[in-house]
Each structure stands twice: as C-alpha cells, then as structure tokens.
Amino acid sequence: MQFYQQQLNMLSTNYRNRIIDICCRMISTDGQVDLDERIWMTKLCDKNIQARNLRDSMLCPDKIE
C-alpha cells in the first residue's frame, strides 16, 4: 500500500520540467513568469510534496525546517 501511495505522489517528467523552468525564470532577471504559471505551481505544491520540495530547493535552498 505504501508503494502505491508513493506512486500517487510522484511527479511526471512534464510537471517536473515545468516547475524547473518556472523557478529558473523566477531566479533569472531576463525571464518573466506569468501569473497563471505561478498559480499553477502554487496549487501543485500545495497538493504534492515532491513538487514543494523541488520548488523550495531551487528558490530557498538555505531553508531549515
């Protein structure tokens, strides 16, 4: 059962690449991120732990839990 729950929380390659793309554009000065993209990423990160960890590791790597 635990393996099945892990599979449900896994990110697809497409979602992982979209998060990385959005975060990289947020960090860089020449890229712009649309409000729709920010909303999508926020909703996904609220529901998915792997997405949240990926976003947090890119945007705030010095965060201590």
PDB file of N, CA and C in Angstrom:
ATOM      1  N   MET A   1       0.829  -1.200   0.000  1.00  0.00           N
ATOM      2  CA  MET A   1       0.000   0.000   0.000  1.00  0.00           C
ATOM      3  C   MET A   1       0.869   1.258   0.000  1.00  0.00           C
ATOM      4  N   GLN A   2       1.977   1.241   0.731  1.00  0.00           N
ATOM      5  CA  GLN A   2       2.841   2.411   0.802  1.00  0.00           C
ATOM      6  C   GLN A   2       3.450   2.716  -0.557  1.00  0.00           C
ATOM      7  N   PHE A   3       3.841   1.698  -1.307  1.00  0.00           N
ATOM      8  CA  PHE A   3       4.397   1.902  -2.639  1.00  0.00           C
ATOM      9  C   PHE A   3       3.379   2.567  -3.547  1.00  0.00           C
ATOM     10  N   TYR A   4       2.115   2.149  -3.452  1.00  0.00           N
ATOM     11  CA  TYR A   4       1.048   2.735  -4.267  1.00  0.00           C
ATOM     12  C   TYR A   4       0.864   4.209  -3.933  1.00  0.00           C
ATOM     13  N   GLN A   5       0.928   4.571  -2.658  1.00  0.00           N
ATOM     14  CA  GLN A   5       0.793   5.966  -2.258  1.00  0.00           C
ATOM     15  C   GLN A   5       1.971   6.794  -2.755  1.00  0.00           C
ATOM     16  N   GLN A   6       3.171   6.210  -2.775  1.00  0.00           N
ATOM     17  CA  GLN A   6       4.325   6.922  -3.319  1.00  0.00           C
ATOM     18  C   GLN A   6       4.130   7.181  -4.800  1.00  0.00           C
ATOM     19  N   GLN A   7       3.572   6.228  -5.507  1.00  0.00           N
ATOM     20  CA  GLN A   7       3.329   6.391  -6.943  1.00  0.00           C
ATOM     21  C   GLN A   7       2.343   7.527  -7.197  1.00  0.00           C
ATOM     22  N   LEU A   8       1.350   7.679  -6.322  1.00  0.00           N
ATOM     23  CA  LEU A   8       0.373   8.746  -6.489  1.00  0.00           C
ATOM     24  C   LEU A   8       1.003  10.119  -6.293  1.00  0.00           C
ATOM     25  N   ASN A   9       2.016  10.211  -5.442  1.00  0.00           N
ATOM     26  CA  ASN A   9       2.651  11.488  -5.151  1.00  0.00           C
ATOM     27  C   ASN A   9       3.807  11.815  -6.081  1.00  0.00           C
ATOM     28  N   MET A  10       4.139  10.909  -6.996  1.00  0.00           N
ATOM     29  CA  MET A  10       5.267  11.145  -7.896  1.00  0.00           C
ATOM     30  C   MET A  10       4.902  12.181  -8.951  1.00  0.00           C
ATOM     31  N   LEU A  11       5.875  12.975  -9.315  1.00  0.00           N
ATOM     32  CA  LEU A  11       5.683  13.971 -10.360  1.00  0.00           C
ATOM     33  C   LEU A  11       5.996  13.363 -11.715  1.00  0.00           C
ATOM     34  N   SER A  12       5.233  13.751 -12.697  1.00  0.00           N
ATOM     35  CA  SER A  12       5.576  13.334 -14.053  1.00  0.00           C
ATOM     36  C   SER A  12       6.772  14.165 -14.519  1.00  0.00           C
ATOM     37  N   THR A  13       7.427  13.690 -15.533  1.00  0.00           N
ATOM     38  CA  THR A  13       8.580  14.411 -16.082  1.00  0.00           C
ATOM     39  C   THR A  13       8.157  15.779 -16.601  1.00  0.00           C
ATOM     40  N   ASN A  14       6.989  15.842 -17.191  1.00  0.00           N
ATOM     41  CA  ASN A  14       6.484  17.111 -17.716  1.00  0.00           C
ATOM     42  C   ASN A  14       6.292  18.136 -16.594  1.00  0.00           C
ATOM     43  N   TYR A  15       5.657  17.716 -15.487  1.00  0.00           N
ATOM     44  CA  TYR A  15       5.440  18.629 -14.366  1.00  0.00           C
ATOM     45  C   TYR A  15       6.767  19.047 -13.742  1.00  0.00           C
ATOM     46  N   ARG A  16       7.674  18.108 -13.591  1.00  0.00           N
ATOM     47  CA  ARG A  16       8.987  18.416 -13.016  1.00  0.00           C
ATOM     48  C   ARG A  16       9.715  19.450 -13.877  1.00  0.00           C
ATOM     49  N   ASN A  17       9.681  19.265 -15.195  1.00  0.00           N
ATOM     50  CA  ASN A  17      10.341  20.214 -16.101  1.00  0.00           C
ATOM     51  C   ASN A  17       9.676  21.581 -16.076  1.00  0.00           C
ATOM     52  N   ARG A  18       8.348  21.610 -15.949  1.00  0.00           N
ATOM     53  CA  ARG A  18       7.647  22.895 -15.878  1.00  0.00           C
ATOM     54  C   ARG A  18       8.013  23.654 -14.611  1.00  0.00           C
ATOM     55  N   ILE A  19       8.093  22.945 -13.482  1.00  0.00           N
ATOM     56  CA  ILE A  19       8.476  23.594 -12.221  1.00  0.00           C
ATOM     57  C   ILE A  19       9.889  24.142 -12.318  1.00  0.00           C
ATOM     58  N   ILE A  20      10.802  23.347 -12.858  1.00  0.00           N
ATOM     59  CA  ILE A  20      12.188  23.799 -13.003  1.00  0.00           C
ATOM     60  C   ILE A  20      12.260  25.015 -13.916  1.00  0.00           C
ATOM     61  N   ASP A  21      11.518  24.998 -15.010  1.00  0.00           N
ATOM     62  CA  ASP A  21      11.501  26.122 -15.935  1.00  0.00           C
ATOM     63  C   ASP A  21      10.974  27.392 -15.262  1.00  0.00           C
ATOM     64  N   ILE A  22       9.877  27.272 -14.543  1.00  0.00           N
ATOM     65  CA  ILE A  22       9.291  28.436 -13.863  1.00  0.00           C
ATOM     66  C   ILE A  22      10.247  28.974 -12.806  1.00  0.00           C
ATOM     67  N   CYS A  23      10.839  28.097 -12.010  1.00  0.00           N
ATOM     68  CA  CYS A  23      11.769  28.535 -10.960  1.00  0.00           C
ATOM     69  C   CYS A  23      13.004  29.203 -11.555  1.00  0.00           C
ATOM     70  N   CYS A  24      13.526  28.646 -12.636  1.00  0.00           N
ATOM     71  CA  CYS A  24      14.703  29.252 -13.274  1.00  0.00           C
ATOM     72  C   CYS A  24      14.376  30.640 -13.808  1.00  0.00           C
ATOM     73  N   ARG A  25      13.188  30.805 -14.378  1.00  0.00           N
ATOM     74  CA  ARG A  25      12.813  32.131 -14.868  1.00  0.00           C
ATOM     75  C   ARG A  25      12.549  33.092 -13.731  1.00  0.00           C
ATOM     76  N   MET A  26      12.098  32.594 -12.581  1.00  0.00           N
ATOM     77  CA  MET A  26      11.899  33.464 -11.417  1.00  0.00           C
ATOM     78  C   MET A  26      13.242  33.944 -10.873  1.00  0.00           C
ATOM     79  N   ILE A  27      14.238  33.077 -10.907  1.00  0.00           N
ATOM     80  CA  ILE A  27      15.563  33.414 -10.379  1.00  0.00           C
ATOM     81  C   ILE A  27      16.297  34.365 -11.311  1.00  0.00           C
ATOM     82  N   SER A  28      16.195  34.115 -12.615  1.00  0.00           N
ATOM     83  CA  SER A  28      16.933  34.936 -13.573  1.00  0.00           C
ATOM     84  C   SER A  28      16.261  36.304 -13.714  1.00  0.00           C
ATOM     85  N   THR A  29      17.020  37.250 -14.204  1.00  0.00           N
ATOM     86  CA  THR A  29      16.491  38.601 -14.345  1.00  0.00           C
ATOM     87  C   THR A  29      15.817  38.825 -15.685  1.00  0.00           C
ATOM     88  N   ASP A  30      16.134  38.023 -16.689  1.00  0.00           N
ATOM     89  CA  ASP A  30      15.578  38.274 -18.013  1.00  0.00           C
ATOM     90  C   ASP A  30      14.311  37.480 -18.301  1.00  0.00           C
ATOM     91  N   GLY A  31      13.969  36.515 -17.481  1.00  0.00           N
ATOM     92  CA  GLY A  31      12.769  35.718 -17.714  1.00  0.00           C
ATOM     93  C   GLY A  31      11.588  36.259 -16.940  1.00  0.00           C
ATOM     94  N   GLN A  32      10.430  36.190 -17.557  1.00  0.00           N
ATOM     95  CA  GLN A  32       9.222  36.621 -16.877  1.00  0.00           C
ATOM     96  C   GLN A  32       8.325  35.415 -16.659  1.00  0.00           C
ATOM     97  N   VAL A  33       7.617  35.425 -15.538  1.00  0.00           N
ATOM     98  CA  VAL A  33       6.713  34.342 -15.205  1.00  0.00           C
ATOM     99  C   VAL A  33       5.305  34.908 -15.137  1.00  0.00           C
ATOM    100  N   ASP A  34       4.398  34.292 -15.883  1.00  0.00           N
ATOM    101  CA  ASP A  34       3.012  34.744 -15.891  1.00  0.00           C
ATOM    102  C   ASP A  34       2.332  34.391 -14.579  1.00  0.00           C
ATOM    103  N   LEU A  35       1.289  35.125 -14.278  1.00  0.00           N
ATOM    104  CA  LEU A  35       0.516  34.857 -13.072  1.00  0.00           C
ATOM    105  C   LEU A  35      -0.100  33.467 -13.126  1.00  0.00           C
ATOM    106  N   ASP A  36      -0.556  33.040 -14.293  1.00  0.00           N
ATOM    107  CA  ASP A  36      -1.141  31.703 -14.444  1.00  0.00           C
ATOM    108  C   ASP A  36      -0.143  30.613 -14.081  1.00  0.00           C
ATOM    109  N   GLU A  37       1.115  30.796 -14.463  1.00  0.00           N
ATOM    110  CA  GLU A  37       2.147  29.815 -14.140  1.00  0.00           C
ATOM    111  C   GLU A  37       2.419  29.772 -12.644  1.00  0.00           C
ATOM    112  N   ARG A  38       2.445  30.932 -12.016  1.00  0.00           N
ATOM    113  CA  ARG A  38       2.659  30.981 -10.563  1.00  0.00           C
ATOM    114  C   ARG A  38       1.513  30.320  -9.810  1.00  0.00           C
ATOM    115  N   ILE A  39       0.293  30.576 -10.266  1.00  0.00           N
ATOM    116  CA  ILE A  39      -0.877  29.966  -9.631  1.00  0.00           C
ATOM    117  C   ILE A  39      -0.837  28.453  -9.797  1.00  0.00           C
ATOM    118  N   TRP A  40      -0.515  27.976 -11.007  1.00  0.00           N
ATOM    119  CA  TRP A  40      -0.431  26.540 -11.259  1.00  0.00           C
ATOM    120  C   TRP A  40       0.591  25.889 -10.335  1.00  0.00           C
ATOM    121  N   MET A  41       1.778  26.509 -10.238  1.00  0.00           N
ATOM    122  CA  MET A  41       2.838  25.940  -9.417  1.00  0.00           C
ATOM    123  C   MET A  41       2.450  25.950  -7.937  1.00  0.00           C
ATOM    124  N   THR A  42       1.819  27.006  -7.477  1.00  0.00           N
ATOM    125  CA  THR A  42       1.408  27.093  -6.077  1.00  0.00           C
ATOM    126  C   THR A  42       0.379  26.021  -5.740  1.00  0.00           C
ATOM    127  N   LYS A  43      -0.602  25.841  -6.610  1.00  0.00           N
ATOM    128  CA  LYS A  43      -1.622  24.811  -6.363  1.00  0.00           C
ATOM    129  C   LYS A  43      -1.009  23.419  -6.368  1.00  0.00           C
ATOM    130  N   LEU A  44      -0.109  23.167  -7.304  1.00  0.00           N
ATOM    131  CA  LEU A  44       0.539  21.863  -7.362  1.00  0.00           C
ATOM    132  C   LEU A  44       1.374  21.622  -6.111  1.00  0.00           C
ATOM    133  N   CYS A  45       2.105  22.630  -5.674  1.00  0.00           N
ATOM    134  CA  CYS A  45       2.966  22.483  -4.496  1.00  0.00           C
ATOM    135  C   CYS A  45       2.147  22.322  -3.214  1.00  0.00           C
ATOM    136  N   ASP A  46       0.944  22.865  -3.181  1.00  0.00           N
ATOM    137  CA  ASP A  46       0.072  22.666  -2.025  1.00  0.00           C
ATOM    138  C   ASP A  46      -0.381  21.213  -1.918  1.00  0.00           C
ATOM    139  N   LYS A  47      -0.511  20.540  -3.053  1.00  0.00           N
ATOM    140  CA  LYS A  47      -1.028  19.174  -3.072  1.00  0.00           C
ATOM    141  C   LYS A  47       0.058  18.103  -3.125  1.00  0.00           C
ATOM    142  N   ASN A  48       1.239  18.434  -3.647  1.00  0.00           N
ATOM    143  CA  ASN A  48       2.256  17.424  -3.906  1.00  0.00           C
ATOM    144  C   ASN A  48       3.551  17.763  -3.172  1.00  0.00           C
ATOM    145  N   ILE A  49       3.997  16.858  -2.328  1.00  0.00           N
ATOM    146  CA  ILE A  49       5.191  17.083  -1.506  1.00  0.00           C
ATOM    147  C   ILE A  49       6.449  17.158  -2.365  1.00  0.00           C
ATOM    148  N   GLN A  50       6.555  16.302  -3.373  1.00  0.00           N
ATOM    149  CA  GLN A  50       7.747  16.322  -4.230  1.00  0.00           C
ATOM    150  C   GLN A  50       7.849  17.637  -4.990  1.00  0.00           C
ATOM    151  N   ALA A  51       6.734  18.155  -5.444  1.00  0.00           N
ATOM    152  CA  ALA A  51       6.737  19.444  -6.142  1.00  0.00           C
ATOM    153  C   ALA A  51       7.175  20.556  -5.188  1.00  0.00           C
ATOM    154  N   ARG A  52       6.665  20.510  -3.968  1.00  0.00           N
ATOM    155  CA  ARG A  52       7.022  21.523  -2.975  1.00  0.00           C
ATOM    156  C   ARG A  52       8.506  21.462  -2.646  1.00  0.00           C
ATOM    157  N   ASN A  53       9.030  20.255  -2.476  1.00  0.00           N
ATOM    158  CA  ASN A  53      10.456  20.105  -2.163  1.00  0.00           C
ATOM    159  C   ASN A  53      11.333  20.592  -3.310  1.00  0.00           C
ATOM    160  N   LEU A  54      10.925  20.308  -4.539  1.00  0.00           N
ATOM    161  CA  LEU A  54      11.681  20.760  -5.703  1.00  0.00           C
ATOM    162  C   LEU A  54      11.690  22.283  -5.771  1.00  0.00           C
ATOM    163  N   ARG A  55      10.519  22.895  -5.620  1.00  0.00           N
ATOM    164  CA  ARG A  55      10.424  24.352  -5.649  1.00  0.00           C
ATOM    165  C   ARG A  55      11.249  24.981  -4.528  1.00  0.00           C
ATOM    166  N   ASP A  56      11.105  24.452  -3.319  1.00  0.00           N
ATOM    167  CA  ASP A  56      11.829  25.020  -2.176  1.00  0.00           C
ATOM    168  C   ASP A  56      13.333  24.864  -2.321  1.00  0.00           C
ATOM    169  N   SER A  57      13.780  23.756  -2.881  1.00  0.00           N
ATOM    170  CA  SER A  57      15.221  23.556  -3.037  1.00  0.00           C
ATOM    171  C   SER A  57      15.809  24.524  -4.058  1.00  0.00           C
ATOM    172  N   MET A  58      15.008  24.945  -5.010  1.00  0.00           N
ATOM    173  CA  MET A  58      15.510  25.879  -6.017  1.00  0.00           C
ATOM    174  C   MET A  58      15.387  27.337  -5.571  1.00  0.00           C
ATOM    175  N   LEU A  59      14.293  27.678  -4.906  1.00  0.00           N
ATOM    176  CA  LEU A  59      14.040  29.079  -4.570  1.00  0.00           C
ATOM    177  C   LEU A  59      14.562  29.480  -3.202  1.00  0.00           C
ATOM    178  N   CYS A  60      14.613  28.565  -2.268  1.00  0.00           N
ATOM    179  CA  CYS A  60      15.146  28.908  -0.950  1.00  0.00           C
ATOM    180  C   CYS A  60      15.953  27.728  -0.412  1.00  0.00           C
ATOM    181  N   PRO A  61      17.158  27.538  -0.947  1.00  0.00           N
ATOM    182  CA  PRO A  61      17.964  26.365  -0.568  1.00  0.00           C
ATOM    183  C   PRO A  61      18.487  26.411   0.869  1.00  0.00           C
ATOM    184  N   ASP A  62      18.483  27.576   1.503  1.00  0.00           N
ATOM    185  CA  ASP A  62      19.020  27.682   2.858  1.00  0.00           C
ATOM    186  C   ASP A  62      17.942  27.513   3.922  1.00  0.00           C
ATOM    187  N   LYS A  63      16.758  27.131   3.528  1.00  0.00           N
ATOM    188  CA  LYS A  63      15.642  26.974   4.450  1.00  0.00           C
ATOM    189  C   LYS A  63      15.904  25.793   5.384  1.00  0.00           C
ATOM    190  N   ILE A  64      15.693  26.033   6.666  1.00  0.00           N
ATOM    191  CA  ILE A  64      15.865  24.993   7.681  1.00  0.00           C
ATOM    192  C   ILE A  64      14.502  24.695   8.266  1.00  0.00           C
ATOM    193  N   GLU A  65      14.101  23.444   8.235  1.00  0.00           N
ATOM    194  CA  GLU A  65      12.782  23.051   8.758  1.00  0.00           C
ATOM    195  C   GLU A  65      12.742  23.141  10.259  1.00  0.00           C
TER     196      GLU A  65
END
